[in-house]
Protein backbone atom coordinates (compact mmCIF):
# COMPACT_ATOMS: atom_id res chain seq x y z
CA MET A 1 -54.31 5.03 59.44
CA PHE A 2 -54.98 1.34 58.95
CA ARG A 3 -58.03 2.12 56.75
CA ALA A 4 -55.95 4.46 54.58
CA CYS A 5 -53.25 1.83 54.15
CA LEU A 6 -55.87 -0.81 53.38
CA SER A 7 -57.47 1.44 50.75
CA ALA A 8 -54.08 2.06 49.20
CA PHE A 9 -53.44 -1.70 49.19
CA PHE A 10 -56.67 -2.43 47.34
CA LEU A 11 -55.95 0.40 44.89
CA CYS A 12 -52.54 -1.08 44.12
CA CYS A 13 -54.14 -4.46 43.57
CA LEU A 14 -56.75 -3.02 41.26
CA LEU A 15 -54.33 -1.11 39.03
CA PRO A 16 -52.75 -4.16 37.40
CA ALA A 17 -56.21 -5.58 36.75
CA ALA A 18 -57.26 -2.38 35.01
CA ALA A 19 -54.07 -2.38 32.98
CA LEU A 20 -54.69 -6.02 32.13
CA ALA A 21 -58.22 -5.22 30.98
CA GLN A 22 -56.86 -2.57 28.66
CA ASN A 23 -54.44 -5.11 27.17
CA GLU A 24 -57.04 -7.82 26.60
CA LYS A 25 -57.31 -9.05 23.02
CA VAL A 26 -60.24 -10.35 21.03
CA GLU A 27 -60.49 -13.22 18.57
CA PHE A 28 -62.82 -13.18 15.58
CA PRO A 29 -63.40 -15.22 12.39
CA ILE A 30 -62.67 -14.08 8.85
CA TRP A 31 -63.26 -15.59 5.44
CA SER A 32 -63.67 -14.64 1.79
CA ARG A 33 -65.80 -16.60 -0.70
CA THR A 34 -67.12 -16.35 -4.23
CA TYR A 35 -70.35 -17.93 -5.42
CA ALA A 36 -72.28 -18.49 -8.62
CA GLY A 37 -75.95 -19.37 -8.82
CA THR A 38 -79.41 -17.97 -9.37
CA LEU A 39 -81.41 -15.09 -7.96
CA GLY A 40 -84.92 -15.79 -9.11
CA LYS A 41 -84.47 -16.93 -12.69
CA LYS A 42 -81.30 -14.91 -13.34
CA THR A 43 -77.71 -16.10 -13.04
CA VAL A 44 -75.56 -14.13 -10.61
CA GLU A 45 -71.98 -14.05 -9.37
CA VAL A 46 -71.48 -13.13 -5.71
CA GLN A 47 -68.44 -12.15 -3.66
CA LEU A 48 -68.67 -12.11 0.15
CA GLU A 49 -66.18 -11.36 2.91
CA ARG A 50 -66.69 -11.89 6.61
CA ILE A 51 -64.76 -9.97 9.28
CA ALA A 52 -65.96 -10.74 12.80
CA ASP A 53 -69.77 -10.47 12.69
CA THR A 54 -69.79 -8.12 9.70
CA ILE A 55 -70.31 -9.47 6.20
CA SER A 56 -69.97 -7.43 3.01
CA GLY A 57 -69.48 -7.90 -0.69
CA SER A 58 -71.05 -7.38 -4.09
CA TYR A 59 -72.82 -9.22 -6.87
CA CYS A 60 -73.58 -8.90 -10.57
CA TYR A 61 -75.85 -10.47 -13.15
CA ALA A 62 -74.06 -12.78 -15.58
CA PRO A 63 -72.32 -12.25 -17.88
CA CYS A 64 -70.52 -9.88 -15.52
CA LYS A 65 -68.52 -6.97 -16.89
CA ASP A 66 -65.67 -5.15 -15.20
CA GLU A 67 -67.56 -1.85 -15.14
CA THR A 68 -70.62 -3.38 -13.44
CA ARG A 69 -69.14 -6.18 -11.34
CA TYR A 70 -69.11 -4.17 -8.11
CA THR A 71 -72.10 -1.87 -8.67
CA LEU A 72 -74.50 -3.86 -6.47
CA GLN A 73 -73.09 -3.63 -2.96
CA LEU A 74 -73.94 -5.85 0.02
CA LYS A 75 -73.40 -5.24 3.72
CA GLY A 76 -74.82 -6.71 6.89
CA THR A 77 -74.23 -9.06 9.78
CA VAL A 78 -73.85 -12.79 10.25
CA THR A 79 -75.04 -14.76 13.26
CA GLY A 80 -74.13 -18.41 13.29
CA GLN A 81 -74.79 -19.54 9.72
CA VAL A 82 -77.39 -16.88 8.90
CA ALA A 83 -76.41 -13.68 7.07
CA GLN A 84 -78.69 -10.64 6.84
CA LEU A 85 -77.57 -8.15 4.18
CA SER A 86 -78.77 -4.85 2.76
CA GLU A 87 -78.34 -4.28 -0.95
CA THR A 88 -77.53 -0.87 -2.44
CA ILE A 89 -76.64 0.35 -5.91
CA GLY A 90 -73.50 2.43 -5.48
CA VAL A 91 -74.27 5.11 -2.88
CA ALA A 92 -77.99 5.11 -3.63
CA ALA A 93 -80.76 4.06 -1.29
CA LYS A 94 -81.42 0.48 -0.27
CA SER A 95 -82.48 -1.63 -3.26
CA GLY A 96 -83.13 -4.94 -1.55
CA ALA A 97 -82.50 -7.23 1.41
CA TRP A 98 -80.88 -10.66 1.52
CA THR A 99 -81.29 -13.53 3.95
CA LEU A 100 -78.70 -16.25 3.36
CA PHE A 101 -78.24 -19.58 5.11
CA LEU A 102 -74.55 -20.42 4.77
CA THR A 103 -73.34 -24.00 4.62
CA ASP A 104 -70.10 -25.60 3.50
CA GLY A 105 -69.82 -25.01 -0.23
CA SER A 106 -73.20 -23.38 -0.78
CA ALA A 107 -75.72 -20.79 0.36
CA LYS A 108 -79.49 -20.59 0.06
CA GLY A 109 -81.94 -17.87 0.90
CA ALA A 110 -84.14 -15.13 -0.47
CA TRP A 111 -83.99 -11.62 -1.89
CA LYS A 112 -86.71 -9.19 -0.80
CA SER A 113 -87.59 -5.84 -2.39
CA PRO A 114 -87.47 -2.71 -0.18
CA ASP A 115 -91.28 -2.68 0.09
CA ALA A 116 -91.29 -6.44 0.84
CA LYS A 117 -93.77 -7.05 -2.00
CA ARG A 118 -91.37 -9.12 -4.10
CA VAL A 119 -89.47 -12.14 -2.83
CA LEU A 120 -87.10 -14.17 -5.02
CA PRO A 121 -85.31 -17.39 -4.07
CA MET A 122 -81.52 -17.63 -4.18
CA VAL A 123 -79.39 -20.73 -4.64
CA LEU A 124 -75.62 -20.23 -4.66
CA ASN A 125 -72.70 -22.63 -5.00
CA GLU A 126 -69.20 -21.68 -3.89
CA THR A 127 -66.75 -21.26 -6.78
CA SER A 128 -63.70 -20.39 -4.69
CA THR A 129 -61.54 -23.12 -3.19
CA PRO A 130 -61.87 -22.88 0.59
CA PRO A 131 -58.63 -22.95 2.59
CA PRO A 132 -57.97 -26.09 4.62
CA TYR A 133 -58.42 -24.10 7.84
CA ASP A 134 -60.91 -21.92 9.63
CA ILE A 135 -59.10 -18.63 10.20
CA ARG A 136 -59.51 -16.41 13.24
CA LEU A 137 -57.55 -13.24 13.94
CA VAL A 138 -56.44 -11.95 17.32
CA ALA A 139 -56.48 -8.16 17.64
CA ASP A 140 -56.52 -5.52 20.35
CA THR A 141 -60.15 -4.59 19.56
CA LEU A 142 -62.93 -5.61 17.20
CA PRO A 143 -62.98 -3.81 13.84
CA ASP A 144 -65.32 -0.83 13.59
CA THR A 145 -68.47 -1.50 11.59
CA ASP A 146 -69.55 2.03 10.64
CA ASN A 147 -69.07 3.60 7.22
CA SER A 148 -66.36 6.06 8.29
CA CYS A 149 -62.63 5.49 7.94
CA PRO A 150 -61.61 4.54 11.49
CA THR A 151 -58.20 3.50 12.69
CA PRO A 152 -58.39 -0.29 12.48
CA PRO A 153 -57.14 -2.54 15.26
CA VAL A 154 -53.70 -4.11 15.22
CA VAL A 155 -53.80 -7.81 14.36
CA HIS A 156 -51.34 -9.65 16.59
CA GLU A 157 -51.92 -13.26 15.64
CA ILE A 158 -53.38 -15.51 12.95
CA ARG A 159 -54.97 -18.62 14.40
CA LEU A 160 -55.66 -21.64 12.21
CA TYR A 161 -58.33 -24.13 13.25
CA ARG A 162 -59.39 -27.46 11.82
CA LYS A 163 -62.66 -29.00 13.03
CA GLY A 164 -62.68 -26.60 15.96
CA LYS A 165 -59.16 -27.49 17.12
CA LEU A 166 -56.33 -24.96 17.11
CA VAL A 167 -53.67 -26.19 14.69
CA GLN A 168 -51.21 -23.28 14.68
CA ALA A 169 -50.89 -19.67 15.83
CA LEU A 170 -48.74 -17.30 13.78
CA PRO A 171 -47.57 -14.03 15.38
CA THR A 172 -47.78 -10.84 13.34
CA GLU A 173 -48.12 -7.07 13.69
CA SER A 174 -50.53 -5.98 10.98
CA GLN A 175 -52.54 -2.76 10.79
CA GLY A 176 -54.44 -1.48 7.77
CA THR A 177 -55.76 2.00 7.10
CA CYS A 178 -59.57 2.16 6.98
CA SER A 179 -59.95 -1.59 7.48
CA ILE A 180 -57.87 -4.51 8.67
CA PHE A 181 -55.67 -6.57 6.41
CA THR A 182 -56.72 -10.19 6.06
CA PRO A 183 -54.43 -13.15 5.34
CA ARG A 184 -54.14 -14.65 1.89
CA PHE A 185 -53.29 -18.22 0.87
CA VAL A 186 -51.06 -18.57 -2.19
CA ASP A 187 -48.40 -21.03 -3.33
CA MET A 188 -45.38 -18.74 -3.00
CA ASN A 189 -42.61 -21.25 -3.73
CA PHE A 190 -44.52 -23.29 -6.34
CA ASP A 191 -44.24 -26.61 -4.52
CA GLY A 192 -47.95 -27.39 -4.75
CA HIS A 193 -48.75 -26.33 -1.17
CA LEU A 194 -50.60 -23.19 -0.14
CA ASP A 195 -48.53 -20.73 1.86
CA LEU A 196 -49.77 -17.77 3.92
CA MET A 197 -49.17 -14.02 3.83
CA ILE A 198 -50.58 -10.86 5.44
CA ALA A 199 -49.70 -7.21 4.83
CA GLN A 200 -48.05 -5.38 7.72
CA THR A 201 -48.90 -1.78 6.89
CA LEU A 202 -49.85 0.48 3.98
CA PRO A 203 -47.12 3.01 3.14
CA ALA A 204 -47.52 5.92 0.72
CA GLY A 205 -46.73 3.77 -2.28
CA PRO A 206 -46.90 0.22 -3.60
CA ASN A 207 -43.99 -0.93 -1.41
CA ILE A 208 -46.12 -2.94 1.04
CA PRO A 209 -44.21 -5.15 3.51
CA TYR A 210 -45.65 -8.58 4.31
CA ASP A 211 -45.34 -11.27 6.93
CA MET A 212 -45.10 -14.57 5.05
CA TRP A 213 -44.97 -18.23 6.00
CA LEU A 214 -44.20 -21.25 3.82
CA PHE A 215 -45.97 -24.55 4.40
CA ASP A 216 -43.61 -27.36 5.40
CA PRO A 217 -45.13 -30.67 4.24
CA ALA A 218 -42.77 -32.64 6.50
CA THR A 219 -44.13 -31.07 9.70
CA GLN A 220 -47.51 -30.02 8.27
CA THR A 221 -46.93 -26.53 9.72
CA PHE A 222 -46.17 -23.05 8.45
CA VAL A 223 -42.61 -21.77 8.93
CA ALA A 224 -41.32 -18.23 8.52
CA ALA A 225 -40.36 -17.41 4.94
CA PRO A 226 -36.66 -16.75 4.24
CA ALA A 227 -35.37 -13.19 4.41
CA SER A 228 -34.89 -13.19 0.64
CA LEU A 229 -38.70 -13.33 0.28
CA LEU A 230 -39.58 -11.16 3.29
CA ASP A 231 -37.43 -8.38 1.81
CA VAL A 232 -39.62 -8.27 -1.32
CA THR A 233 -42.40 -5.71 -0.89
CA SER A 234 -45.76 -6.20 -2.62
CA PRO A 235 -44.75 -9.60 -4.04
CA GLU A 236 -46.67 -11.22 -6.87
CA PHE A 237 -46.44 -14.91 -7.71
CA ASP A 238 -46.45 -16.24 -11.27
CA ALA A 239 -47.26 -19.95 -11.06
CA GLU A 240 -46.99 -20.43 -14.83
CA HIS A 241 -43.39 -19.26 -15.07
CA HIS A 242 -42.41 -20.01 -11.44
CA LYS A 243 -41.35 -16.41 -10.89
CA VAL A 244 -41.79 -14.00 -7.99
CA TRP A 245 -41.93 -10.35 -8.98
CA ASN A 246 -42.83 -6.96 -7.57
CA PHE A 247 -43.59 -3.46 -8.77
CA TRP A 248 -41.95 -0.78 -6.63
CA ARG A 249 -41.80 2.99 -6.39
CA GLY A 250 -38.74 4.95 -5.32
CA SER A 251 -40.32 8.39 -5.76
CA CYS A 252 -42.94 10.15 -7.84
CA CYS A 253 -40.75 9.66 -10.93
CA ASP A 254 -38.99 6.40 -10.20
CA HIS A 255 -40.74 3.07 -10.67
CA GLY A 256 -39.41 -0.38 -11.32
CA ILE A 257 -39.91 -4.12 -11.42
CA ASP A 258 -37.74 -6.85 -9.92
CA VAL A 259 -38.03 -10.51 -10.87
CA PHE A 260 -36.84 -13.44 -8.75
CA THR A 261 -36.45 -17.22 -9.08
CA TRP A 262 -36.35 -19.81 -6.31
CA LYS A 263 -33.05 -21.67 -5.95
CA ASN A 264 -32.14 -23.96 -3.06
CA GLY A 265 -34.83 -22.51 -0.81
CA ASN A 266 -34.02 -18.85 -1.42
CA LEU A 267 -35.03 -16.19 -3.91
CA GLU A 268 -32.38 -15.04 -6.35
CA PRO A 269 -32.59 -11.99 -8.68
CA ASP A 270 -33.67 -12.88 -12.20
CA GLY A 271 -34.05 -9.54 -13.96
CA SER A 272 -35.06 -5.97 -13.19
CA GLY A 273 -36.16 -2.83 -14.96
CA GLU A 274 -36.52 0.83 -14.03
CA SER A 275 -38.48 3.71 -15.49
CA TYR A 276 -36.87 6.21 -17.82
CA VAL A 277 -37.74 9.19 -20.04
CA MET A 278 -38.00 8.69 -23.81
CA PRO A 279 -37.59 11.85 -25.96
CA VAL A 280 -39.75 12.16 -29.10
CA ARG A 281 -39.67 15.07 -31.57
CA VAL A 282 -42.69 15.81 -33.76
CA GLY A 283 -42.13 18.82 -35.99
CA THR A 284 -40.96 21.60 -33.69
CA THR A 285 -42.40 20.07 -30.50
CA ASP A 286 -40.30 17.95 -28.18
CA TYR A 287 -42.06 15.36 -26.02
CA TYR A 288 -40.56 13.58 -23.05
CA CYS A 289 -42.47 10.38 -22.33
CA TYR A 290 -42.23 8.61 -18.98
CA VAL A 291 -41.80 4.90 -19.70
CA THR A 292 -42.41 2.36 -16.94
CA PRO A 293 -41.55 -1.35 -17.04
CA ALA A 294 -44.13 -4.13 -16.88
CA TYR A 295 -44.02 -7.80 -16.02
CA VAL A 296 -44.77 -9.75 -19.19
CA ASP A 297 -44.62 -13.55 -19.54
CA GLY A 298 -42.00 -14.15 -16.87
CA ARG A 299 -39.70 -11.24 -17.71
CA VAL A 300 -39.41 -7.46 -17.58
CA GLY A 301 -40.81 -5.61 -20.58
CA TYR A 302 -41.49 -2.06 -21.71
CA PRO A 303 -44.82 -1.93 -23.59
CA ASP A 304 -44.48 1.80 -24.31
CA ALA A 305 -40.88 1.72 -25.53
CA ALA A 306 -39.78 2.44 -29.10
CA ILE A 307 -40.00 -0.47 -31.54
CA LYS A 308 -38.21 -1.03 -34.83
CA ASP A 309 -40.82 -2.27 -37.29
CA ALA A 310 -40.36 -4.60 -40.27
CA SER A 311 -39.39 -1.69 -42.52
CA GLY A 312 -36.63 -0.60 -40.14
CA LYS A 313 -38.43 2.50 -38.85
CA VAL A 314 -38.32 3.33 -35.15
CA VAL A 315 -41.91 3.92 -33.99
CA VAL A 316 -43.47 4.88 -30.68
CA PRO A 317 -46.61 2.90 -29.74
CA GLY A 318 -49.64 4.84 -28.57
CA ASP A 319 -50.15 8.58 -28.59
CA LEU A 320 -48.15 11.33 -26.93
CA LYS A 321 -50.98 12.95 -24.95
CA GLY A 322 -49.57 11.80 -21.64
CA CYS A 323 -46.04 13.01 -22.37
CA ASP A 324 -44.49 16.20 -21.01
CA VAL A 325 -43.35 19.00 -23.27
CA GLY A 326 -39.92 20.07 -22.14
CA PRO A 327 -36.88 18.17 -20.85
CA TYR A 328 -36.57 16.74 -17.36
CA MET A 329 -34.51 14.02 -15.67
CA LEU A 330 -31.85 14.15 -18.37
CA GLU A 331 -29.74 11.69 -16.39
CA ARG A 332 -32.46 9.10 -17.04
CA THR A 333 -33.39 10.17 -20.56
CA ARG A 334 -32.70 7.63 -23.29
CA VAL A 335 -34.16 5.73 -26.22
CA ASP A 336 -34.39 1.95 -25.98
CA VAL A 337 -35.23 0.27 -29.28
CA TRP A 338 -36.88 -3.15 -29.26
CA GLN A 339 -37.47 -5.49 -32.16
CA LYS A 340 -39.89 -8.40 -32.45
CA LYS A 341 -38.34 -11.82 -33.02
CA ALA A 342 -39.88 -14.62 -35.07
CA ASP A 343 -41.41 -16.17 -31.93
CA GLY A 344 -43.13 -12.89 -31.07
CA THR A 345 -40.89 -11.92 -28.16
CA LEU A 346 -39.15 -8.55 -28.08
CA VAL A 347 -35.39 -8.14 -27.87
CA LEU A 348 -33.49 -4.95 -27.04
CA THR A 349 -31.41 -3.98 -30.08
CA ASP A 350 -30.20 -0.45 -29.32
CA THR A 351 -29.90 2.05 -26.46
CA GLN A 352 -28.92 5.68 -26.89
CA GLY A 353 -28.63 8.08 -24.00
CA VAL A 354 -27.86 11.76 -23.49
CA THR A 355 -24.34 12.93 -24.24
CA TRP A 356 -22.82 16.33 -23.44
CA GLN A 357 -21.34 18.73 -25.96
CA LYS A 358 -18.82 21.43 -25.15
CA THR A 359 -20.05 24.73 -26.59
CA GLN A 360 -20.23 28.48 -26.03
CA VAL A 361 -23.32 29.83 -24.29
CA ASN A 362 -23.56 33.59 -23.79
CA GLY A 363 -19.81 33.89 -24.18
CA ALA A 364 -18.99 31.19 -21.64
CA THR A 365 -17.88 27.59 -22.08
CA ARG A 366 -20.63 25.18 -21.11
CA TYR A 367 -21.53 21.53 -21.55
CA CYS A 368 -24.99 21.21 -23.09
CA PRO A 369 -27.06 18.03 -23.52
CA VAL A 370 -27.32 16.23 -26.83
CA VAL A 371 -30.63 14.39 -26.66
CA PRO A 372 -31.43 11.38 -28.91
CA PHE A 373 -34.96 12.04 -30.22
CA VAL A 374 -37.20 9.53 -31.94
CA ASN A 375 -37.89 11.66 -35.00
CA ASN A 376 -39.76 10.55 -38.13
CA GLY A 377 -38.80 6.88 -37.84
CA GLN A 378 -35.18 7.46 -36.85
CA ILE A 379 -33.12 8.36 -33.79
CA VAL A 380 -31.81 11.87 -34.39
CA PRO A 381 -29.55 13.47 -31.74
CA ALA A 382 -30.11 17.20 -31.16
CA ALA A 383 -28.09 19.60 -29.01
CA LEU A 384 -30.17 21.70 -26.60
CA THR A 385 -28.28 24.98 -26.35
CA SER A 386 -31.11 27.51 -26.25
CA ASP A 387 -31.76 27.05 -22.52
CA PRO A 388 -28.65 27.86 -20.45
CA ASP A 389 -30.21 26.19 -17.39
CA LEU A 390 -29.87 22.82 -19.10
CA CYS A 391 -26.14 23.30 -19.55
CA SER A 392 -23.41 22.69 -17.02
CA GLU A 393 -20.15 24.46 -16.23
CA ASP A 394 -18.47 21.10 -15.72
CA ASP A 395 -18.52 18.04 -17.94
CA PRO A 396 -21.22 15.75 -16.46
CA ASN A 397 -19.41 12.75 -17.95
CA PRO A 398 -15.68 13.41 -17.57
CA THR A 399 -13.38 10.80 -19.07
């Protein structure tokens, strides 16, 4: 009896320890750097990212082009200050091996061919500005290092170190999809100090929520950003115009841009734009073009909208290949006409939307849409009465 009770006692004591072991967290370093230098006699640009003991990135031979910048892939491990990387071209077989000795602001090492018969020296100098901290993340497990798409660990804390001493710990709940999110330093309120942000999760759209902290120069610490900034998903920061803006998606056919300005420590709305459908008639074919806003020089713009040229004609930039044939979203169908000012900026001069005309359709009174088409340099309204499904029994716009 006593032995059974004693066994039960030890079991009860062990259970919390097991539960504690399951809840243990790990801490690991992360960084991202860009370099420029030489591989052999050729100039290269290199991008490297470290997550725990895994290091990956890419490089290109200068002058680098967008289509080739990420063709040469790098992946390997880092121990102390020594990185060992395999080089591949796309998904092809191994094309080389790197050994890099990493120091503050530079890296030196050698490239070796797959057969080890060719060895070329490498000398790289960091071109990115390193953050003023060493960053380590605290997560429930270490990130997976295989090439599959695993469920990444949840990051619970960002720890900032300087010369090996913990300066500040910032709580978060961040989980990526195939890989973890890493923090990013950016001056979010344009006061000359780097602030900190990390994505929380990746939804099915561009509306990514972030945890964000602003640097307080008085206390030399990061403080939680105001709600007016935290409420902005996928924020972008325009240092030139001192604007914060974001591109959002409401549905498959609803996109927009919001612009904000800092005032007294909070973000205030400073313009917005939403997608719409622009009708264009060419001969007997009606096109309905989905027009999305863009952020241009500190304000919302519509690069694909209709423009009135110097002769007074209303023209549509680009071709109509991406436009639908047939009406849809009539409630958001309109023609916005922009005109270029002397300073080169565009100003909205006219907007015409769909109106509804009372008419007889198959012997019944209906309200059918009158659509303003861009047609041969003009805006020409046309009633769509041939399709009864477009018409309504009730006036969509009663007075």
